Amino acid sequence: MVIGTSICDMVVDPQEILLAGITGVAKDGILAGLYGYEAGQPAVGDMFGWFADNLVPAGSGPGLLPGLERAAAALAPGQSGLVALDWWNGNRSVLADADLSGVLVGLTLQTSAVDIYRALLESTAFGNKAILDNFVEGGLQLREIVACGGLRKRARSSCN
């Protein structure tokens, strides 16, 4: 899993399995001798970049992101009543529809930036769970997840 401007989920398996909603399959494409399966979310880092550029007060400095993380972690899932979908640049996997757009529903006059941040985190997690569930339902076994990439670095620099 490479997490940055987008998320790219890559799975390797010795067998070729045709999966619904997954168009990137190539033998030797990731590791020699294995089929590589690729899926992803096309606007994750960009979505949080938008949040930082538009909803974070100017001059907040690098200390704001850890505070948002702590405040968002204190909320229970769905506590704010907001529902978000991470389709801000379409849905690459599993729906494979580039014309879809992001959704943020449930805003009230009491909605805070922390509530929106938490909803965006939840939308990212839900979108990724849908992709991973699709791999498993299609017959691929997931034994280990390795996450890498520049999302944390980019999010931090966007808040500077």
Protein backbone atom coordinates (compact mmCIF):
# COMPACT_ATOMS: atom_id res chain seq x y z
CA MET A 1 0.00 0.00 0.00
CA VAL A 2 1.53 3.29 -1.10
CA ILE A 3 -0.14 6.27 0.56
CA GLY A 4 0.37 9.73 -0.87
CA THR A 5 -1.57 11.88 -3.32
CA SER A 6 -3.61 8.73 -3.82
CA ILE A 7 -3.51 5.23 -2.33
CA CYS A 8 -2.28 2.35 -4.44
CA ASP A 9 -3.02 -1.12 -3.06
CA MET A 10 -0.86 -3.85 -4.57
CA VAL A 11 -1.30 -7.56 -3.94
CA VAL A 12 0.77 -10.43 -5.31
CA ASP A 13 -0.39 -14.02 -5.82
CA PRO A 14 0.87 -17.01 -7.79
CA GLN A 15 -2.53 -17.42 -9.49
CA GLU A 16 -4.30 -15.20 -11.98
CA ILE A 17 -7.74 -14.41 -10.59
CA LEU A 18 -10.14 -12.07 -12.37
CA LEU A 19 -11.63 -9.69 -9.84
CA ALA A 20 -14.60 -7.36 -10.25
CA GLY A 21 -13.55 -3.72 -10.15
CA ILE A 22 -9.83 -4.46 -10.47
CA THR A 23 -8.38 -3.68 -13.89
CA GLY A 24 -4.68 -3.73 -13.08
CA VAL A 25 -3.44 -7.35 -13.21
CA ALA A 26 -0.04 -8.27 -14.65
CA LYS A 27 2.25 -11.26 -14.35
CA ASP A 28 5.69 -10.16 -13.14
CA GLY A 29 4.31 -6.63 -12.74
CA ILE A 30 5.27 -6.31 -9.06
CA LEU A 31 7.40 -9.36 -8.24
CA ALA A 32 8.89 -11.89 -10.66
CA GLY A 33 6.85 -15.06 -11.00
CA LEU A 34 3.73 -13.63 -9.36
CA TYR A 35 0.63 -11.90 -10.62
CA GLY A 36 0.38 -8.33 -9.41
CA TYR A 37 -3.03 -6.85 -8.65
CA GLU A 38 -3.41 -3.09 -8.37
CA ALA A 39 -6.28 -1.06 -6.99
CA GLY A 40 -6.57 2.28 -5.30
CA GLN A 41 -8.18 5.50 -4.18
CA PRO A 42 -7.32 8.43 -6.47
CA ALA A 43 -7.51 11.47 -4.18
CA VAL A 44 -6.56 10.67 -0.60
CA GLY A 45 -3.57 12.96 -0.06
CA ASP A 46 -5.15 15.53 -2.33
CA MET A 47 -8.33 15.42 -0.23
CA PHE A 48 -6.37 16.09 2.97
CA GLY A 49 -4.35 18.74 1.12
CA TRP A 50 -7.64 20.45 0.25
CA PHE A 51 -8.64 20.26 3.90
CA ALA A 52 -5.32 21.81 5.01
CA ASP A 53 -5.45 24.51 2.34
CA ASN A 54 -9.07 25.50 2.95
CA LEU A 55 -10.05 24.66 6.52
CA VAL A 56 -6.84 25.07 8.50
CA PRO A 57 -6.33 28.63 9.74
CA ALA A 58 -3.44 30.44 8.07
CA GLY A 59 -0.30 30.56 10.19
CA SER A 60 -1.34 27.55 12.31
CA GLY A 61 2.09 26.00 11.96
CA PRO A 62 3.19 22.37 12.09
CA GLY A 63 1.69 21.77 15.55
CA LEU A 64 -1.88 21.86 14.27
CA LEU A 65 -1.93 18.43 12.62
CA PRO A 66 -1.08 16.49 15.81
CA GLY A 67 -3.82 18.43 17.61
CA LEU A 68 -6.33 17.54 14.89
CA GLU A 69 -5.23 13.91 15.11
CA ARG A 70 -5.77 13.82 18.89
CA ALA A 71 -9.14 15.57 18.70
CA ALA A 72 -10.33 13.35 15.84
CA ALA A 73 -9.16 10.22 17.71
CA ALA A 74 -11.30 11.24 20.69
CA LEU A 75 -14.46 11.02 18.55
CA ALA A 76 -16.27 7.72 18.20
CA PRO A 77 -16.87 6.52 14.63
CA GLY A 78 -19.75 8.49 13.15
CA GLN A 79 -20.12 10.57 16.33
CA SER A 80 -20.40 13.87 14.49
CA GLY A 81 -23.15 12.60 12.20
CA LEU A 82 -21.10 13.43 9.12
CA VAL A 83 -20.80 10.92 6.31
CA ALA A 84 -18.11 11.40 3.68
CA LEU A 85 -17.15 9.49 0.55
CA ASP A 86 -13.59 9.77 -0.71
CA TRP A 87 -14.50 9.97 -4.41
CA TRP A 88 -13.08 13.49 -4.84
CA ASN A 89 -11.33 12.42 -8.03
CA GLY A 90 -13.68 9.58 -8.98
CA ASN A 91 -13.62 5.99 -7.77
CA ARG A 92 -10.87 3.87 -9.25
CA SER A 93 -11.61 0.62 -7.43
CA VAL A 94 -14.07 -1.15 -6.91
CA LEU A 95 -16.74 0.93 -8.67
CA ALA A 96 -14.32 2.08 -11.40
CA ASP A 97 -16.20 5.29 -12.18
CA ALA A 98 -14.05 8.38 -12.79
CA ASP A 99 -17.13 10.61 -12.89
CA LEU A 100 -18.08 10.09 -9.23
CA SER A 101 -17.39 12.98 -6.86
CA GLY A 102 -16.73 13.34 -3.16
CA VAL A 103 -19.56 13.63 -0.70
CA LEU A 104 -19.85 15.28 2.71
CA VAL A 105 -23.33 14.97 4.22
CA GLY A 106 -24.68 15.98 7.60
CA LEU A 107 -23.14 19.43 8.11
CA THR A 108 -24.79 21.56 10.79
CA LEU A 109 -23.97 24.88 12.38
CA GLN A 110 -22.19 22.91 15.12
CA THR A 111 -19.88 21.07 12.68
CA SER A 112 -16.23 21.77 13.38
CA ALA A 113 -13.05 21.33 11.36
CA VAL A 114 -12.25 18.35 13.61
CA ASP A 115 -15.59 16.75 12.69
CA ILE A 116 -14.83 17.17 8.99
CA TYR A 117 -11.28 15.87 9.41
CA ARG A 118 -12.61 12.78 11.23
CA ALA A 119 -15.23 12.19 8.50
CA LEU A 120 -12.51 12.37 5.83
CA LEU A 121 -10.38 9.88 7.78
CA GLU A 122 -13.38 7.56 8.07
CA SER A 123 -14.12 7.89 4.35
CA THR A 124 -10.54 6.94 3.52
CA ALA A 125 -10.65 3.92 5.83
CA PHE A 126 -14.04 2.80 4.49
CA GLY A 127 -12.88 3.17 0.87
CA ASN A 128 -9.75 1.16 1.57
CA LYS A 129 -11.69 -1.52 3.43
CA ALA A 130 -13.97 -1.90 0.39
CA ILE A 131 -10.90 -2.50 -1.80
CA LEU A 132 -9.30 -4.98 0.61
CA ASP A 133 -12.62 -6.80 1.08
CA ASN A 134 -12.93 -7.06 -2.72
CA PHE A 135 -9.50 -8.71 -2.94
CA VAL A 136 -10.47 -11.25 -0.26
CA GLU A 137 -13.96 -11.91 -1.67
CA GLY A 138 -12.33 -12.49 -5.08
CA GLY A 139 -10.11 -15.22 -3.67
CA LEU A 140 -6.86 -13.46 -2.78
CA GLN A 141 -5.49 -14.01 0.71
CA LEU A 142 -4.12 -10.97 2.51
CA ARG A 143 -1.51 -12.03 5.04
CA GLU A 144 0.39 -8.79 5.58
CA ILE A 145 -0.12 -5.10 4.83
CA VAL A 146 2.87 -2.84 4.37
CA ALA A 147 2.06 0.87 4.17
CA CYS A 148 4.53 3.44 2.87
CA GLY A 149 4.48 6.76 1.04
CA GLY A 150 4.46 10.47 1.52
CA LEU A 151 0.97 11.32 2.85
CA ARG A 152 2.16 12.17 6.35
CA LYS A 153 5.01 14.31 5.03
CA ARG A 154 2.77 16.13 2.54
CA ALA A 155 -0.01 16.72 5.06
CA ARG A 156 2.50 18.15 7.50
CA SER A 157 4.05 20.48 4.90
CA SER A 158 0.60 21.67 3.80
CA CYS A 159 -0.04 22.89 7.33
CA ASN A 160 3.21 24.89 7.53
